[in-house]
C-alpha atoms as a PDB file:
ATOM      1  CA  MET A   1     -70.967 -14.824 -95.405  1.00  0.00           C
ATOM      2  CA  ALA A   2     -67.388 -14.056 -94.268  1.00  0.00           C
ATOM      3  CA  GLN A   3     -66.208 -10.473 -94.517  1.00  0.00           C
ATOM      4  CA  HIS A   4     -63.461  -9.972 -96.895  1.00  0.00           C
ATOM      5  CA  PRO A   5     -59.774  -9.264 -95.983  1.00  0.00           C
ATOM      6  CA  ALA A   6     -59.777  -5.702 -97.139  1.00  0.00           C
ATOM      7  CA  LEU A   7     -62.937  -4.851 -95.360  1.00  0.00           C
ATOM      8  CA  THR A   8     -61.318  -4.426 -92.071  1.00  0.00           C
ATOM      9  CA  GLU A   9     -61.597  -2.428 -89.348  1.00  0.00           C
ATOM     10  CA  GLY A  10     -59.295   0.812 -89.443  1.00  0.00           C
ATOM     11  CA  ARG A  11     -58.570   0.984 -93.155  1.00  0.00           C
ATOM     12  CA  VAL A  12     -59.382   3.558 -95.454  1.00  0.00           C
ATOM     13  CA  ALA A  13     -61.698   3.236 -97.976  1.00  0.00           C
ATOM     14  CA  VAL A  14     -61.484   6.277-100.876  1.00  0.00           C
ATOM     15  CA  ILE A  15     -65.002   6.761-102.682  1.00  0.00           C
ATOM     16  CA  THR A  16     -65.482   8.776-105.458  1.00  0.00           C
ATOM     17  CA  GLY A  17     -68.831  10.112-106.219  1.00  0.00           C
ATOM     18  CA  ALA A  18     -70.000   9.894-102.580  1.00  0.00           C
ATOM     19  CA  ALA A  19     -71.941  12.849-102.390  1.00  0.00           C
ATOM     20  CA  SER A  20     -74.836  11.029-103.455  1.00  0.00           C
ATOM     21  CA  GLY A  21     -76.703   8.082-104.937  1.00  0.00           C
ATOM     22  CA  ILE A  22     -74.303   5.038-105.676  1.00  0.00           C
ATOM     23  CA  GLY A  23     -71.155   6.917-103.731  1.00  0.00           C
ATOM     24  CA  LEU A  24     -72.642   7.941-100.408  1.00  0.00           C
ATOM     25  CA  ALA A  25     -74.345   4.543 -99.611  1.00  0.00           C
ATOM     26  CA  ALA A  26     -70.836   3.104-100.189  1.00  0.00           C
ATOM     27  CA  ALA A  27     -69.483   5.532 -97.556  1.00  0.00           C
ATOM     28  CA  LYS A  28     -72.520   4.568 -95.556  1.00  0.00           C
ATOM     29  CA  ARG A  29     -72.288   0.842 -95.874  1.00  0.00           C
ATOM     30  CA  PHE A  30     -68.322   1.176 -95.816  1.00  0.00           C
ATOM     31  CA  ALA A  31     -67.894   3.242 -92.418  1.00  0.00           C
ATOM     32  CA  ALA A  32     -70.596   0.871 -90.605  1.00  0.00           C
ATOM     33  CA  THR A  33     -68.200  -1.575 -91.327  1.00  0.00           C
ATOM     34  CA  GLY A  34     -65.250   0.514 -89.147  1.00  0.00           C
ATOM     35  CA  LEU A  35     -63.315   1.313 -92.236  1.00  0.00           C
ATOM     36  CA  ARG A  36     -61.877   4.865 -92.226  1.00  0.00           C
ATOM     37  CA  ILE A  37     -63.359   7.138 -95.061  1.00  0.00           C
ATOM     38  CA  CYS A  38     -62.210   9.911 -97.639  1.00  0.00           C
ATOM     39  CA  LEU A  39     -65.005  10.778 -99.666  1.00  0.00           C
ATOM     40  CA  ALA A  40     -64.449  12.397-102.818  1.00  0.00           C
ATOM     41  CA  ASP A  41     -66.632  14.836-105.008  1.00  0.00           C
ATOM     42  CA  LEU A  42     -66.942  17.625-106.698  1.00  0.00           C
ATOM     43  CA  GLY A  43     -67.657  19.776-103.256  1.00  0.00           C
ATOM     44  CA  GLY A  44     -69.923  22.290-102.321  1.00  0.00           C
ATOM     45  CA  GLY A  45     -72.958  21.164 -99.652  1.00  0.00           C
ATOM     46  CA  ARG A  46     -73.359  18.101-100.592  1.00  0.00           C
ATOM     47  CA  LEU A  47     -70.309  16.659-100.095  1.00  0.00           C
ATOM     48  CA  GLU A  48     -70.083  18.476 -96.455  1.00  0.00           C
ATOM     49  CA  GLN A  49     -73.838  17.006 -95.821  1.00  0.00           C
ATOM     50  CA  ALA A  50     -72.639  13.759 -97.195  1.00  0.00           C
ATOM     51  CA  ALA A  51     -69.571  13.981 -94.664  1.00  0.00           C
ATOM     52  CA  ALA A  52     -72.210  14.539 -91.754  1.00  0.00           C
ATOM     53  CA  GLU A  53     -74.547  11.669 -92.871  1.00  0.00           C
ATOM     54  CA  VAL A  54     -71.729   9.530 -92.397  1.00  0.00           C
ATOM     55  CA  ALA A  55     -70.887  10.483 -88.813  1.00  0.00           C
ATOM     56  CA  LEU A  56     -74.372   9.613 -88.028  1.00  0.00           C
ATOM     57  CA  VAL A  57     -73.733   5.482 -88.760  1.00  0.00           C
ATOM     58  CA  PRO A  58     -72.515   3.761 -86.342  1.00  0.00           C
ATOM     59  CA  ARG A  59     -68.881   3.422 -85.850  1.00  0.00           C
ATOM     60  CA  GLY A  60     -68.797   6.104 -89.103  1.00  0.00           C
ATOM     61  CA  ALA A  61     -67.437   9.213 -87.078  1.00  0.00           C
ATOM     62  CA  ARG A  62     -63.818   8.843 -89.069  1.00  0.00           C
ATOM     63  CA  ARG A  63     -63.869  10.633 -92.411  1.00  0.00           C
ATOM     64  CA  MET A  64     -62.004  13.226 -94.246  1.00  0.00           C
ATOM     65  CA  CYS A  65     -63.780  15.311 -97.801  1.00  0.00           C
ATOM     66  CA  TRP A  66     -61.835  15.987-100.641  1.00  0.00           C
ATOM     67  CA  PRO A  67     -63.618  18.325-103.192  1.00  0.00           C
ATOM     68  CA  CYS A  68     -61.830  17.437-106.822  1.00  0.00           C
ATOM     69  CA  ARG A  69     -62.941  16.765-110.058  1.00  0.00           C
ATOM     70  CA  PRO A  70     -61.849  13.049-110.304  1.00  0.00           C
ATOM     71  CA  THR A  71     -61.246  13.220-114.151  1.00  0.00           C
ATOM     72  CA  SER A  72     -58.243  15.855-112.801  1.00  0.00           C
ATOM     73  CA  VAL A  73     -54.804  14.881-110.791  1.00  0.00           C
ATOM     74  CA  ASN A  74     -55.054  18.144-109.314  1.00  0.00           C
ATOM     75  CA  TRP A  75     -56.766  17.466-106.241  1.00  0.00           C
ATOM     76  CA  ARG A  76     -57.511  19.828-103.454  1.00  0.00           C
ATOM     77  CA  ARG A  77     -57.598  18.757 -99.365  1.00  0.00           C
ATOM     78  CA  SER A  78     -60.034  19.696 -97.376  1.00  0.00           C
ATOM     79  CA  SER A  79     -60.804  18.255 -94.342  1.00  0.00           C
ATOM     80  CA  ALA A  80     -64.011  16.957 -92.047  1.00  0.00           C
END
């Protein structure tokens, strides 16, 4: 199966709800393709743990975390 052009290595994927479930699974899958990952979620230990899990994926070391409330436009930036 051909890979979608948006999944080109080095591009950035911003994933909301990334601390668990489908969001975390998507972050790991995209990281494995070589995308840089921005994990956005409510924050706390679950988001930091998710970032650590993404870092363990081969080619998944480039990531950052944004603790945020996705329904708000006032996001706080924090790096992992």
